[in-house]
Amino acid sequence: MVLANEYRNFQIRIVQDLTNPTAVGQRRIIASHTAGPSAVYTLGTAWTVQPSATAKFVIELPNLML
């Protein structure tokens, strides 16, 4: 279970999408999210290619260059 905004400013990356494979590899910064076992993530910018409901993703530190 996650706390509200625990992963704010992290990035979410699509790693698998068998329904929509062109969505794989996209990364977006998490602007905010709800708490709980089924958190809802709000992104800073919309997906270029909408991932399917069955897409798998990872949450990781953003790879921003300073």
N, C-alpha and C. Protein backbone atom coordinates (compact mmCIF):
# COMPACT_ATOMS: atom_id res chain seq x y z
N MET A 1 0.84 -1.17 0.00
CA MET A 1 0.00 0.00 0.00
C MET A 1 0.90 1.24 0.00
N VAL A 2 0.51 2.25 -0.73
CA VAL A 2 1.29 3.49 -0.81
C VAL A 2 0.57 4.62 -0.11
N LEU A 3 1.34 5.58 0.36
CA LEU A 3 0.78 6.79 0.95
C LEU A 3 0.49 7.80 -0.15
N ALA A 4 -0.43 8.71 0.08
CA ALA A 4 -0.74 9.74 -0.90
C ALA A 4 0.53 10.52 -1.25
N ASN A 5 0.79 10.68 -2.52
CA ASN A 5 1.92 11.44 -3.06
C ASN A 5 3.29 10.93 -2.62
N GLU A 6 3.38 9.70 -2.18
CA GLU A 6 4.66 9.11 -1.80
C GLU A 6 5.64 9.07 -2.98
N TYR A 7 5.12 8.92 -4.20
CA TYR A 7 5.95 8.84 -5.40
C TYR A 7 5.79 10.07 -6.29
N ARG A 8 5.35 11.17 -5.72
CA ARG A 8 5.25 12.42 -6.48
C ARG A 8 6.65 12.79 -6.97
N ASN A 9 6.74 13.22 -8.22
CA ASN A 9 7.97 13.60 -8.91
C ASN A 9 8.85 12.41 -9.29
N PHE A 10 8.42 11.19 -9.03
CA PHE A 10 9.08 10.01 -9.59
C PHE A 10 8.56 9.86 -11.01
N GLN A 11 9.10 8.93 -11.77
CA GLN A 11 8.55 8.69 -13.10
C GLN A 11 7.92 7.32 -13.17
N ILE A 12 6.93 7.22 -14.02
CA ILE A 12 6.28 5.95 -14.29
C ILE A 12 6.66 5.57 -15.72
N ARG A 13 7.10 4.33 -15.91
CA ARG A 13 7.57 3.87 -17.23
C ARG A 13 6.81 2.60 -17.60
N ILE A 14 6.27 2.57 -18.80
CA ILE A 14 5.56 1.40 -19.31
C ILE A 14 6.60 0.38 -19.77
N VAL A 15 6.55 -0.83 -19.19
CA VAL A 15 7.54 -1.85 -19.53
C VAL A 15 6.95 -3.00 -20.36
N GLN A 16 5.62 -3.15 -20.35
CA GLN A 16 4.99 -4.19 -21.16
C GLN A 16 3.55 -3.80 -21.44
N ASP A 17 3.14 -4.00 -22.67
CA ASP A 17 1.74 -3.79 -23.05
C ASP A 17 1.46 -4.67 -24.26
N LEU A 18 0.90 -5.84 -24.00
CA LEU A 18 0.64 -6.79 -25.08
C LEU A 18 -0.49 -6.33 -25.99
N THR A 19 -1.39 -5.51 -25.48
CA THR A 19 -2.50 -4.99 -26.28
C THR A 19 -2.06 -3.83 -27.17
N ASN A 20 -1.21 -2.97 -26.63
CA ASN A 20 -0.76 -1.78 -27.35
C ASN A 20 0.76 -1.66 -27.22
N PRO A 21 1.52 -2.45 -27.95
CA PRO A 21 2.98 -2.48 -27.77
C PRO A 21 3.68 -1.16 -28.07
N THR A 22 3.06 -0.26 -28.82
CA THR A 22 3.72 1.02 -29.10
C THR A 22 3.73 1.93 -27.87
N ALA A 23 3.03 1.55 -26.82
CA ALA A 23 3.04 2.32 -25.57
C ALA A 23 4.28 2.03 -24.73
N VAL A 24 4.94 0.91 -24.99
CA VAL A 24 6.10 0.48 -24.19
C VAL A 24 7.25 1.48 -24.34
N GLY A 25 7.88 1.78 -23.21
CA GLY A 25 9.04 2.67 -23.20
C GLY A 25 8.71 4.11 -22.84
N GLN A 26 7.45 4.47 -22.86
CA GLN A 26 7.07 5.83 -22.50
C GLN A 26 7.34 6.07 -21.02
N ARG A 27 7.71 7.30 -20.70
CA ARG A 27 7.96 7.71 -19.32
C ARG A 27 7.24 9.03 -19.07
N ARG A 28 6.68 9.15 -17.90
CA ARG A 28 6.02 10.40 -17.51
C ARG A 28 6.28 10.65 -16.03
N ILE A 29 6.37 11.91 -15.66
CA ILE A 29 6.55 12.30 -14.26
C ILE A 29 5.19 12.25 -13.56
N ILE A 30 5.19 11.70 -12.35
CA ILE A 30 3.96 11.60 -11.55
C ILE A 30 3.75 12.95 -10.86
N ALA A 31 2.65 13.62 -11.16
CA ALA A 31 2.32 14.91 -10.56
C ALA A 31 1.72 14.71 -9.17
N SER A 32 0.91 13.67 -9.01
CA SER A 32 0.29 13.35 -7.73
C SER A 32 -0.34 11.97 -7.83
N HIS A 33 -0.74 11.42 -6.67
CA HIS A 33 -1.47 10.16 -6.69
C HIS A 33 -2.19 9.95 -5.38
N THR A 34 -3.18 9.10 -5.42
CA THR A 34 -3.98 8.78 -4.24
C THR A 34 -3.27 7.72 -3.42
N ALA A 35 -3.78 7.47 -2.23
CA ALA A 35 -3.22 6.45 -1.34
C ALA A 35 -3.96 5.13 -1.53
N GLY A 36 -3.37 4.06 -0.99
CA GLY A 36 -4.06 2.79 -0.97
C GLY A 36 -3.45 1.75 -1.88
N PRO A 37 -4.04 0.55 -1.87
CA PRO A 37 -3.50 -0.56 -2.67
C PRO A 37 -3.75 -0.41 -4.17
N SER A 38 -4.69 0.44 -4.55
CA SER A 38 -4.99 0.69 -5.97
C SER A 38 -4.90 2.18 -6.25
N ALA A 39 -3.72 2.73 -6.03
CA ALA A 39 -3.52 4.18 -6.20
C ALA A 39 -3.84 4.62 -7.63
N VAL A 40 -4.34 5.84 -7.76
CA VAL A 40 -4.61 6.45 -9.05
C VAL A 40 -3.55 7.53 -9.26
N TYR A 41 -2.79 7.40 -10.34
CA TYR A 41 -1.68 8.31 -10.62
C TYR A 41 -2.10 9.39 -11.61
N THR A 42 -1.75 10.63 -11.31
CA THR A 42 -1.97 11.76 -12.21
C THR A 42 -0.62 12.17 -12.75
N LEU A 43 -0.52 12.25 -14.06
CA LEU A 43 0.75 12.55 -14.71
C LEU A 43 0.88 14.03 -15.03
N GLY A 44 2.13 14.49 -15.13
CA GLY A 44 2.38 15.88 -15.48
C GLY A 44 2.00 16.18 -16.92
N THR A 45 2.17 15.21 -17.82
CA THR A 45 1.76 15.34 -19.22
C THR A 45 1.10 14.03 -19.66
N ALA A 46 0.24 14.14 -20.62
CA ALA A 46 -0.50 12.97 -21.10
C ALA A 46 0.41 12.03 -21.88
N TRP A 47 0.00 10.76 -21.94
CA TRP A 47 0.73 9.77 -22.75
C TRP A 47 0.62 10.15 -24.22
N THR A 48 1.67 9.91 -24.98
CA THR A 48 1.61 10.07 -26.43
C THR A 48 0.77 8.95 -27.02
N VAL A 49 1.01 7.73 -26.55
CA VAL A 49 0.22 6.55 -26.92
C VAL A 49 -0.39 6.01 -25.64
N GLN A 50 -1.70 5.98 -25.57
CA GLN A 50 -2.40 5.54 -24.36
C GLN A 50 -2.13 4.06 -24.07
N PRO A 51 -1.55 3.74 -22.91
CA PRO A 51 -1.36 2.33 -22.56
C PRO A 51 -2.71 1.65 -22.30
N SER A 52 -2.76 0.34 -22.51
CA SER A 52 -3.99 -0.39 -22.24
C SER A 52 -4.17 -0.61 -20.74
N ALA A 53 -5.32 -1.09 -20.36
CA ALA A 53 -5.61 -1.37 -18.95
C ALA A 53 -4.77 -2.50 -18.40
N THR A 54 -4.18 -3.31 -19.27
CA THR A 54 -3.36 -4.45 -18.83
C THR A 54 -1.86 -4.17 -18.90
N ALA A 55 -1.49 -2.94 -19.22
CA ALA A 55 -0.07 -2.58 -19.32
C ALA A 55 0.61 -2.75 -17.97
N LYS A 56 1.88 -3.13 -18.01
CA LYS A 56 2.68 -3.24 -16.79
C LYS A 56 3.63 -2.05 -16.76
N PHE A 57 3.85 -1.53 -15.55
CA PHE A 57 4.69 -0.35 -15.41
C PHE A 57 5.57 -0.47 -14.19
N VAL A 58 6.61 0.36 -14.15
CA VAL A 58 7.47 0.49 -12.99
C VAL A 58 7.49 1.96 -12.58
N ILE A 59 7.72 2.17 -11.30
CA ILE A 59 7.90 3.52 -10.78
C ILE A 59 9.34 3.62 -10.36
N GLU A 60 10.03 4.65 -10.85
CA GLU A 60 11.45 4.79 -10.60
C GLU A 60 11.84 6.24 -10.47
N LEU A 61 13.04 6.48 -9.99
CA LEU A 61 13.54 7.84 -9.95
C LEU A 61 13.68 8.35 -11.37
N PRO A 62 13.35 9.61 -11.62
CA PRO A 62 13.48 10.13 -12.98
C PRO A 62 14.94 10.25 -13.37
N ASN A 63 15.21 10.05 -14.63
CA ASN A 63 16.58 10.15 -15.12
C ASN A 63 16.79 11.53 -15.74
N LEU A 64 16.67 12.54 -14.88
CA LEU A 64 16.84 13.93 -15.32
C LEU A 64 18.30 14.30 -15.25
N MET A 65 18.76 15.06 -16.22
CA MET A 65 20.13 15.54 -16.25
C MET A 65 20.15 16.91 -15.59
N LEU A 66 21.11 17.14 -14.73
CA LEU A 66 21.25 18.45 -14.08
C LEU A 66 22.34 19.25 -14.75
